[in-house]
Amino acid sequence: MKIMTMAAAALLMAIPVGAQEFGPATVDPAEVLASRGKEFVAKARTAETGVYSETLKEYGNHKTMLAARAKTGAPEYHEAWSDFFVVLDGEFTMLVGGKLKDQYPIDGKPGELSGSGIEGGTKIALKKGDVFHLRPKTPHQAVLTPGKTLLYYVIKVKE
Protein backbone atom coordinates (compact mmCIF):
# COMPACT_ATOMS: atom_id res chain seq x y z
CA MET A 1 0.00 0.00 0.00
CA LYS A 2 2.86 2.37 0.85
CA ILE A 3 4.41 1.74 -2.58
CA MET A 4 1.10 2.56 -4.30
CA THR A 5 0.79 5.79 -2.30
CA MET A 6 4.34 6.77 -3.21
CA ALA A 7 3.71 5.89 -6.87
CA ALA A 8 0.53 7.97 -6.91
CA ALA A 9 2.37 10.92 -5.34
CA ALA A 10 5.18 10.60 -7.89
CA LEU A 11 2.63 10.48 -10.70
CA LEU A 12 0.95 13.65 -9.42
CA MET A 13 4.32 15.40 -9.28
CA ALA A 14 5.08 14.30 -12.84
CA ILE A 15 1.76 15.50 -14.24
CA PRO A 16 2.29 18.52 -16.41
CA VAL A 17 0.27 21.59 -15.52
CA GLY A 18 -2.57 20.05 -17.56
CA ALA A 19 -5.78 18.62 -16.24
CA GLN A 20 -6.34 15.16 -14.81
CA GLU A 21 -8.81 13.19 -16.91
CA PHE A 22 -11.98 11.70 -15.45
CA GLY A 23 -13.95 10.51 -18.47
CA PRO A 24 -15.96 13.52 -19.68
CA ALA A 25 -14.56 15.73 -16.88
CA THR A 26 -11.14 17.16 -16.05
CA VAL A 27 -9.63 18.66 -12.91
CA ASP A 28 -6.71 21.05 -12.50
CA PRO A 29 -5.78 20.32 -8.85
CA ALA A 30 -5.12 23.40 -6.72
CA GLU A 31 -1.94 21.85 -5.32
CA VAL A 32 -0.50 21.28 -8.82
CA LEU A 33 -1.45 24.79 -9.97
CA ALA A 34 0.12 26.33 -6.84
CA SER A 35 3.31 24.29 -7.18
CA ARG A 36 3.71 24.98 -10.88
CA GLY A 37 2.64 28.57 -10.29
CA LYS A 38 5.79 29.16 -8.24
CA GLU A 39 7.85 27.96 -11.23
CA PHE A 40 5.84 30.19 -13.58
CA VAL A 41 6.38 33.28 -11.42
CA ALA A 42 10.13 32.58 -11.32
CA LYS A 43 10.17 32.23 -15.13
CA ALA A 44 8.12 35.42 -15.56
CA ARG A 45 10.65 37.32 -13.42
CA THR A 46 13.47 36.36 -15.80
CA ALA A 47 11.50 36.69 -19.06
CA GLU A 48 12.11 39.82 -21.12
CA THR A 49 8.34 40.34 -21.43
CA GLY A 50 7.74 39.67 -17.73
CA VAL A 51 5.20 36.98 -18.67
CA TYR A 52 5.26 33.19 -18.65
CA SER A 53 2.26 31.03 -19.60
CA GLU A 54 1.37 27.58 -20.89
CA THR A 55 -1.77 26.13 -22.40
CA LEU A 56 -2.93 23.38 -20.06
CA LYS A 57 -5.59 21.71 -22.19
CA GLU A 58 -7.44 22.38 -25.44
CA TYR A 59 -11.10 21.41 -25.71
CA GLY A 60 -12.10 22.44 -29.25
CA ASN A 61 -13.68 25.87 -28.90
CA HIS A 62 -12.09 26.56 -25.51
CA LYS A 63 -8.84 26.03 -23.66
CA THR A 64 -7.27 26.52 -20.24
CA MET A 65 -3.98 28.21 -19.41
CA LEU A 66 -1.83 29.03 -16.41
CA ALA A 67 -0.06 32.39 -16.55
CA ALA A 68 2.26 34.49 -14.41
CA ARG A 69 3.27 38.12 -14.76
CA ALA A 70 6.12 40.00 -13.14
CA LYS A 71 5.44 43.32 -14.85
CA THR A 72 2.77 45.19 -16.76
CA GLY A 73 1.81 43.40 -19.95
CA ALA A 74 1.32 44.73 -23.45
CA PRO A 75 -2.24 45.70 -24.34
CA GLU A 76 -4.24 43.03 -26.16
CA TYR A 77 -7.34 42.66 -28.32
CA HIS A 78 -8.91 39.30 -29.26
CA GLU A 79 -11.24 39.24 -32.27
CA ALA A 80 -12.90 35.94 -31.34
CA TRP A 81 -11.85 34.91 -27.81
CA SER A 82 -13.55 35.59 -24.48
CA ASP A 83 -11.24 35.40 -21.46
CA PHE A 84 -12.06 34.33 -17.92
CA PHE A 85 -9.26 35.07 -15.43
CA VAL A 86 -9.22 33.45 -11.99
CA VAL A 87 -6.68 35.31 -9.85
CA LEU A 88 -4.74 32.65 -7.93
CA ASP A 89 -2.21 34.98 -6.30
CA GLY A 90 -1.37 38.67 -6.36
CA GLU A 91 -3.28 41.78 -7.29
CA PHE A 92 -3.33 44.04 -10.32
CA THR A 93 -5.37 46.54 -12.26
CA MET A 94 -7.02 45.55 -15.53
CA LEU A 95 -7.43 48.41 -17.97
CA VAL A 96 -10.48 47.55 -20.09
CA GLY A 97 -12.11 49.16 -23.12
CA GLY A 98 -11.01 52.33 -24.81
CA LYS A 99 -8.93 52.17 -27.96
CA LEU A 100 -5.63 50.47 -28.79
CA LYS A 101 -2.93 53.01 -29.65
CA ASP A 102 -0.61 52.21 -32.58
CA GLN A 103 -2.24 48.79 -33.02
CA TYR A 104 -0.54 45.96 -34.89
CA PRO A 105 -1.25 42.24 -35.46
CA ILE A 106 0.47 39.73 -33.17
CA ASP A 107 2.63 37.35 -35.23
CA GLY A 108 1.27 33.82 -35.39
CA LYS A 109 -2.03 34.74 -33.72
CA PRO A 110 -4.69 35.59 -36.32
CA GLY A 111 -7.32 38.00 -35.00
CA GLU A 112 -5.07 39.12 -32.15
CA LEU A 113 -3.79 42.69 -31.85
CA SER A 114 -1.46 44.62 -29.56
CA GLY A 115 -0.32 48.21 -29.44
CA SER A 116 1.67 50.83 -27.56
CA GLY A 117 -1.08 51.40 -25.00
CA ILE A 118 -4.77 52.01 -24.46
CA GLU A 119 -6.48 55.38 -24.74
CA GLY A 120 -9.38 55.70 -22.35
CA GLY A 121 -10.72 52.56 -20.78
CA THR A 122 -11.81 51.65 -17.28
CA LYS A 123 -9.50 50.57 -14.46
CA ILE A 124 -10.68 47.51 -12.52
CA ALA A 125 -8.80 46.45 -9.37
CA LEU A 126 -8.48 42.66 -9.06
CA LYS A 127 -7.06 40.51 -6.25
CA LYS A 128 -6.60 36.88 -5.23
CA GLY A 129 -9.88 34.98 -5.55
CA ASP A 130 -11.47 37.37 -8.06
CA VAL A 131 -12.86 36.06 -11.35
CA PHE A 132 -12.77 38.43 -14.32
CA HIS A 133 -14.65 37.92 -17.61
CA LEU A 134 -13.76 39.77 -20.80
CA ARG A 135 -15.74 39.66 -24.04
CA PRO A 136 -14.07 39.49 -27.46
CA LYS A 137 -13.17 42.70 -29.28
CA THR A 138 -12.32 44.49 -26.03
CA PRO A 139 -8.89 46.10 -25.58
CA HIS A 140 -7.36 45.17 -22.24
CA GLN A 141 -4.07 45.42 -20.37
CA ALA A 142 -2.90 43.92 -17.07
CA VAL A 143 -1.15 46.65 -15.07
CA LEU A 144 1.05 45.57 -12.14
CA THR A 145 2.65 47.61 -9.41
CA PRO A 146 6.44 47.41 -9.93
CA GLY A 147 7.95 44.57 -7.89
CA LYS A 148 4.64 42.69 -7.58
CA THR A 149 3.73 39.42 -9.31
CA LEU A 150 0.51 37.85 -10.51
CA LEU A 151 -0.54 34.22 -11.00
CA TYR A 152 -3.79 33.49 -12.78
CA TYR A 153 -5.75 30.68 -14.40
CA VAL A 154 -7.26 31.51 -17.78
CA ILE A 155 -10.23 29.97 -19.58
CA LYS A 156 -10.37 31.11 -23.21
CA VAL A 157 -13.61 30.51 -25.13
CA LYS A 158 -13.80 31.00 -28.89
CA GLU A 159 -17.03 32.80 -29.79
C-alpha atoms as a PDB file:
ATOM      1  CA  MET A   1       0.000   0.000   0.000  1.00  0.00           C
ATOM      2  CA  LYS A   2       2.865   2.367   0.852  1.00  0.00           C
ATOM      3  CA  ILE A   3       4.408   1.737  -2.579  1.00  0.00           C
ATOM      4  CA  MET A   4       1.103   2.560  -4.300  1.00  0.00           C
ATOM      5  CA  THR A   5       0.785   5.795  -2.297  1.00  0.00           C
ATOM      6  CA  MET A   6       4.341   6.773  -3.214  1.00  0.00           C
ATOM      7  CA  ALA A   7       3.713   5.885  -6.867  1.00  0.00           C
ATOM      8  CA  ALA A   8       0.531   7.966  -6.910  1.00  0.00           C
ATOM      9  CA  ALA A   9       2.366  10.918  -5.335  1.00  0.00           C
ATOM     10  CA  ALA A  10       5.178  10.599  -7.894  1.00  0.00           C
ATOM     11  CA  LEU A  11       2.630  10.483 -10.703  1.00  0.00           C
ATOM     12  CA  LEU A  12       0.954  13.650  -9.425  1.00  0.00           C
ATOM     13  CA  MET A  13       4.320  15.403  -9.280  1.00  0.00           C
ATOM     14  CA  ALA A  14       5.083  14.300 -12.845  1.00  0.00           C
ATOM     15  CA  ILE A  15       1.761  15.496 -14.244  1.00  0.00           C
ATOM     16  CA  PRO A  16       2.291  18.524 -16.406  1.00  0.00           C
ATOM     17  CA  VAL A  17       0.267  21.587 -15.521  1.00  0.00           C
ATOM     18  CA  GLY A  18      -2.569  20.046 -17.556  1.00  0.00           C
ATOM     19  CA  ALA A  19      -5.778  18.616 -16.239  1.00  0.00           C
ATOM     20  CA  GLN A  20      -6.338  15.157 -14.805  1.00  0.00           C
ATOM     21  CA  GLU A  21      -8.809  13.190 -16.915  1.00  0.00           C
ATOM     22  CA  PHE A  22     -11.983  11.696 -15.452  1.00  0.00           C
ATOM     23  CA  GLY A  23     -13.952  10.512 -18.474  1.00  0.00           C
ATOM     24  CA  PRO A  24     -15.957  13.518 -19.683  1.00  0.00           C
ATOM     25  CA  ALA A  25     -14.563  15.734 -16.885  1.00  0.00           C
ATOM     26  CA  THR A  26     -11.137  17.160 -16.053  1.00  0.00           C
ATOM     27  CA  VAL A  27      -9.631  18.657 -12.910  1.00  0.00           C
ATOM     28  CA  ASP A  28      -6.712  21.051 -12.502  1.00  0.00           C
ATOM     29  CA  PRO A  29      -5.781  20.322  -8.851  1.00  0.00           C
ATOM     30  CA  ALA A  30      -5.121  23.401  -6.717  1.00  0.00           C
ATOM     31  CA  GLU A  31      -1.936  21.849  -5.323  1.00  0.00           C
ATOM     32  CA  VAL A  32      -0.505  21.284  -8.815  1.00  0.00           C
ATOM     33  CA  LEU A  33      -1.445  24.788  -9.965  1.00  0.00           C
ATOM     34  CA  ALA A  34       0.125  26.334  -6.840  1.00  0.00           C
ATOM     35  CA  SER A  35       3.313  24.289  -7.182  1.00  0.00           C
ATOM     36  CA  ARG A  36       3.714  24.976 -10.885  1.00  0.00           C
ATOM     37  CA  GLY A  37       2.639  28.569 -10.285  1.00  0.00           C
ATOM     38  CA  LYS A  38       5.792  29.160  -8.243  1.00  0.00           C
ATOM     39  CA  GLU A  39       7.845  27.960 -11.234  1.00  0.00           C
ATOM     40  CA  PHE A  40       5.840  30.187 -13.582  1.00  0.00           C
ATOM     41  CA  VAL A  41       6.385  33.283 -11.417  1.00  0.00           C
ATOM     42  CA  ALA A  42      10.133  32.578 -11.321  1.00  0.00           C
ATOM     43  CA  LYS A  43      10.166  32.233 -15.129  1.00  0.00           C
ATOM     44  CA  ALA A  44       8.118  35.423 -15.560  1.00  0.00           C
ATOM     45  CA  ARG A  45      10.646  37.322 -13.420  1.00  0.00           C
ATOM     46  CA  THR A  46      13.467  36.361 -15.804  1.00  0.00           C
ATOM     47  CA  ALA A  47      11.497  36.689 -19.062  1.00  0.00           C
ATOM     48  CA  GLU A  48      12.106  39.822 -21.119  1.00  0.00           C
ATOM     49  CA  THR A  49       8.339  40.336 -21.428  1.00  0.00           C
ATOM     50  CA  GLY A  50       7.739  39.674 -17.733  1.00  0.00           C
ATOM     51  CA  VAL A  51       5.200  36.982 -18.671  1.00  0.00           C
ATOM     52  CA  TYR A  52       5.261  33.189 -18.651  1.00  0.00           C
ATOM     53  CA  SER A  53       2.264  31.027 -19.601  1.00  0.00           C
ATOM     54  CA  GLU A  54       1.373  27.583 -20.893  1.00  0.00           C
ATOM     55  CA  THR A  55      -1.772  26.129 -22.396  1.00  0.00           C
ATOM     56  CA  LEU A  56      -2.933  23.378 -20.058  1.00  0.00           C
ATOM     57  CA  LYS A  57      -5.587  21.712 -22.186  1.00  0.00           C
ATOM     58  CA  GLU A  58      -7.437  22.384 -25.435  1.00  0.00           C
ATOM     59  CA  TYR A  59     -11.100  21.407 -25.708  1.00  0.00           C
ATOM     60  CA  GLY A  60     -12.096  22.439 -29.246  1.00  0.00           C
ATOM     61  CA  ASN A  61     -13.684  25.868 -28.897  1.00  0.00           C
ATOM     62  CA  HIS A  62     -12.087  26.559 -25.506  1.00  0.00           C
ATOM     63  CA  LYS A  63      -8.839  26.027 -23.655  1.00  0.00           C
ATOM     64  CA  THR A  64      -7.274  26.522 -20.236  1.00  0.00           C
ATOM     65  CA  MET A  65      -3.984  28.207 -19.411  1.00  0.00           C
ATOM     66  CA  LEU A  66      -1.828  29.031 -16.408  1.00  0.00           C
ATOM     67  CA  ALA A  67      -0.061  32.394 -16.547  1.00  0.00           C
ATOM     68  CA  ALA A  68       2.265  34.485 -14.408  1.00  0.00           C
ATOM     69  CA  ARG A  69       3.271  38.123 -14.762  1.00  0.00           C
ATOM     70  CA  ALA A  70       6.122  40.004 -13.140  1.00  0.00           C
ATOM     71  CA  LYS A  71       5.442  43.320 -14.851  1.00  0.00           C
ATOM     72  CA  THR A  72       2.767  45.186 -16.763  1.00  0.00           C
ATOM     73  CA  GLY A  73       1.808  43.396 -19.955  1.00  0.00           C
ATOM     74  CA  ALA A  74       1.318  44.733 -23.446  1.00  0.00           C
ATOM     75  CA  PRO A  75      -2.243  45.701 -24.344  1.00  0.00           C
ATOM     76  CA  GLU A  76      -4.237  43.033 -26.165  1.00  0.00           C
ATOM     77  CA  TYR A  77      -7.336  42.663 -28.321  1.00  0.00           C
ATOM     78  CA  HIS A  78      -8.907  39.303 -29.264  1.00  0.00           C
ATOM     79  CA  GLU A  79     -11.243  39.244 -32.265  1.00  0.00           C
ATOM     80  CA  ALA A  80     -12.904  35.941 -31.341  1.00  0.00           C
ATOM     81  CA  TRP A  81     -11.854  34.906 -27.807  1.00  0.00           C
ATOM     82  CA  SER A  82     -13.549  35.587 -24.481  1.00  0.00           C
ATOM     83  CA  ASP A  83     -11.241  35.400 -21.464  1.00  0.00           C
ATOM     84  CA  PHE A  84     -12.065  34.329 -17.916  1.00  0.00           C
ATOM     85  CA  PHE A  85      -9.260  35.072 -15.428  1.00  0.00           C
ATOM     86  CA  VAL A  86      -9.217  33.452 -11.993  1.00  0.00           C
ATOM     87  CA  VAL A  87      -6.684  35.313  -9.851  1.00  0.00           C
ATOM     88  CA  LEU A  88      -4.741  32.652  -7.926  1.00  0.00           C
ATOM     89  CA  ASP A  89      -2.206  34.976  -6.305  1.00  0.00           C
ATOM     90  CA  GLY A  90      -1.369  38.671  -6.356  1.00  0.00           C
ATOM     91  CA  GLU A  91      -3.275  41.778  -7.294  1.00  0.00           C
ATOM     92  CA  PHE A  92      -3.325  44.043 -10.325  1.00  0.00           C
ATOM     93  CA  THR A  93      -5.373  46.544 -12.261  1.00  0.00           C
ATOM     94  CA  MET A  94      -7.022  45.545 -15.533  1.00  0.00           C
ATOM     95  CA  LEU A  95      -7.427  48.415 -17.965  1.00  0.00           C
ATOM     96  CA  VAL A  96     -10.483  47.545 -20.093  1.00  0.00           C
ATOM     97  CA  GLY A  97     -12.106  49.164 -23.123  1.00  0.00           C
ATOM     98  CA  GLY A  98     -11.011  52.334 -24.807  1.00  0.00           C
ATOM     99  CA  LYS A  99      -8.930  52.168 -27.960  1.00  0.00           C
ATOM    100  CA  LEU A 100      -5.626  50.466 -28.787  1.00  0.00           C
ATOM    101  CA  LYS A 101      -2.930  53.011 -29.652  1.00  0.00           C
ATOM    102  CA  ASP A 102      -0.611  52.215 -32.584  1.00  0.00           C
ATOM    103  CA  GLN A 103      -2.243  48.789 -33.018  1.00  0.00           C
ATOM    104  CA  TYR A 104      -0.535  45.961 -34.894  1.00  0.00           C
ATOM    105  CA  PRO A 105      -1.255  42.239 -35.457  1.00  0.00           C
ATOM    106  CA  ILE A 106       0.472  39.731 -33.171  1.00  0.00           C
ATOM    107  CA  ASP A 107       2.635  37.350 -35.228  1.00  0.00           C
ATOM    108  CA  GLY A 108       1.267  33.816 -35.390  1.00  0.00           C
ATOM    109  CA  LYS A 109      -2.030  34.739 -33.722  1.00  0.00           C
ATOM    110  CA  PRO A 110      -4.688  35.588 -36.320  1.00  0.00           C
ATOM    111  CA  GLY A 111      -7.318  37.998 -34.997  1.00  0.00           C
ATOM    112  CA  GLU A 112      -5.070  39.121 -32.145  1.00  0.00           C
ATOM    113  CA  LEU A 113      -3.789  42.687 -31.850  1.00  0.00           C
ATOM    114  CA  SER A 114      -1.460  44.616 -29.564  1.00  0.00           C
ATOM    115  CA  GLY A 115      -0.322  48.214 -29.442  1.00  0.00           C
ATOM    116  CA  SER A 116       1.672  50.825 -27.562  1.00  0.00           C
ATOM    117  CA  GLY A 117      -1.078  51.401 -24.998  1.00  0.00           C
ATOM    118  CA  ILE A 118      -4.772  52.012 -24.457  1.00  0.00           C
ATOM    119  CA  GLU A 119      -6.481  55.383 -24.743  1.00  0.00           C
ATOM    120  CA  GLY A 120      -9.377  55.702 -22.347  1.00  0.00           C
ATOM    121  CA  GLY A 121     -10.722  52.559 -20.782  1.00  0.00           C
ATOM    122  CA  THR A 122     -11.815  51.653 -17.284  1.00  0.00           C
ATOM    123  CA  LYS A 123      -9.505  50.566 -14.455  1.00  0.00           C
ATOM    124  CA  ILE A 124     -10.679  47.509 -12.524  1.00  0.00           C
ATOM    125  CA  ALA A 125      -8.800  46.452  -9.367  1.00  0.00           C
ATOM    126  CA  LEU A 126      -8.483  42.661  -9.062  1.00  0.00           C
ATOM    127  CA  LYS A 127      -7.065  40.512  -6.255  1.00  0.00           C
ATOM    128  CA  LYS A 128      -6.602  36.877  -5.231  1.00  0.00           C
ATOM    129  CA  GLY A 129      -9.880  34.980  -5.546  1.00  0.00           C
ATOM    130  CA  ASP A 130     -11.470  37.374  -8.058  1.00  0.00           C
ATOM    131  CA  VAL A 131     -12.860  36.062 -11.348  1.00  0.00           C
ATOM    132  CA  PHE A 132     -12.775  38.429 -14.316  1.00  0.00           C
ATOM    133  CA  HIS A 133     -14.646  37.920 -17.614  1.00  0.00           C
ATOM    134  CA  LEU A 134     -13.757  39.772 -20.802  1.00  0.00           C
ATOM    135  CA  ARG A 135     -15.740  39.661 -24.037  1.00  0.00           C
ATOM    136  CA  PRO A 136     -14.071  39.489 -27.463  1.00  0.00           C
ATOM    137  CA  LYS A 137     -13.166  42.701 -29.284  1.00  0.00           C
ATOM    138  CA  THR A 138     -12.324  44.492 -26.032  1.00  0.00           C
ATOM    139  CA  PRO A 139      -8.892  46.098 -25.582  1.00  0.00           C
ATOM    140  CA  HIS A 140      -7.360  45.167 -22.237  1.00  0.00           C
ATOM    141  CA  GLN A 141      -4.073  45.423 -20.368  1.00  0.00           C
ATOM    142  CA  ALA A 142      -2.896  43.922 -17.069  1.00  0.00           C
ATOM    143  CA  VAL A 143      -1.150  46.654 -15.067  1.00  0.00           C
ATOM    144  CA  LEU A 144       1.051  45.571 -12.145  1.00  0.00           C
ATOM    145  CA  THR A 145       2.649  47.608  -9.412  1.00  0.00           C
ATOM    146  CA  PRO A 146       6.443  47.413  -9.932  1.00  0.00           C
ATOM    147  CA  GLY A 147       7.953  44.572  -7.887  1.00  0.00           C
ATOM    148  CA  LYS A 148       4.638  42.687  -7.583  1.00  0.00           C
ATOM    149  CA  THR A 149       3.728  39.417  -9.314  1.00  0.00           C
ATOM    150  CA  LEU A 150       0.513  37.851 -10.506  1.00  0.00           C
ATOM    151  CA  LEU A 151      -0.540  34.223 -11.005  1.00  0.00           C
ATOM    152  CA  TYR A 152      -3.795  33.488 -12.783  1.00  0.00           C
ATOM    153  CA  TYR A 153      -5.752  30.679 -14.397  1.00  0.00           C
ATOM    154  CA  VAL A 154      -7.256  31.513 -17.777  1.00  0.00           C
ATOM    155  CA  ILE A 155     -10.225  29.970 -19.576  1.00  0.00           C
ATOM    156  CA  LYS A 156     -10.369  31.108 -23.208  1.00  0.00           C
ATOM    157  CA  VAL A 157     -13.606  30.512 -25.132  1.00  0.00           C
ATOM    158  CA  LYS A 158     -13.797  31.003 -28.894  1.00  0.00           C
ATOM    159  CA  GLU A 159     -17.030  32.801 -29.786  1.00  0.00           C
END
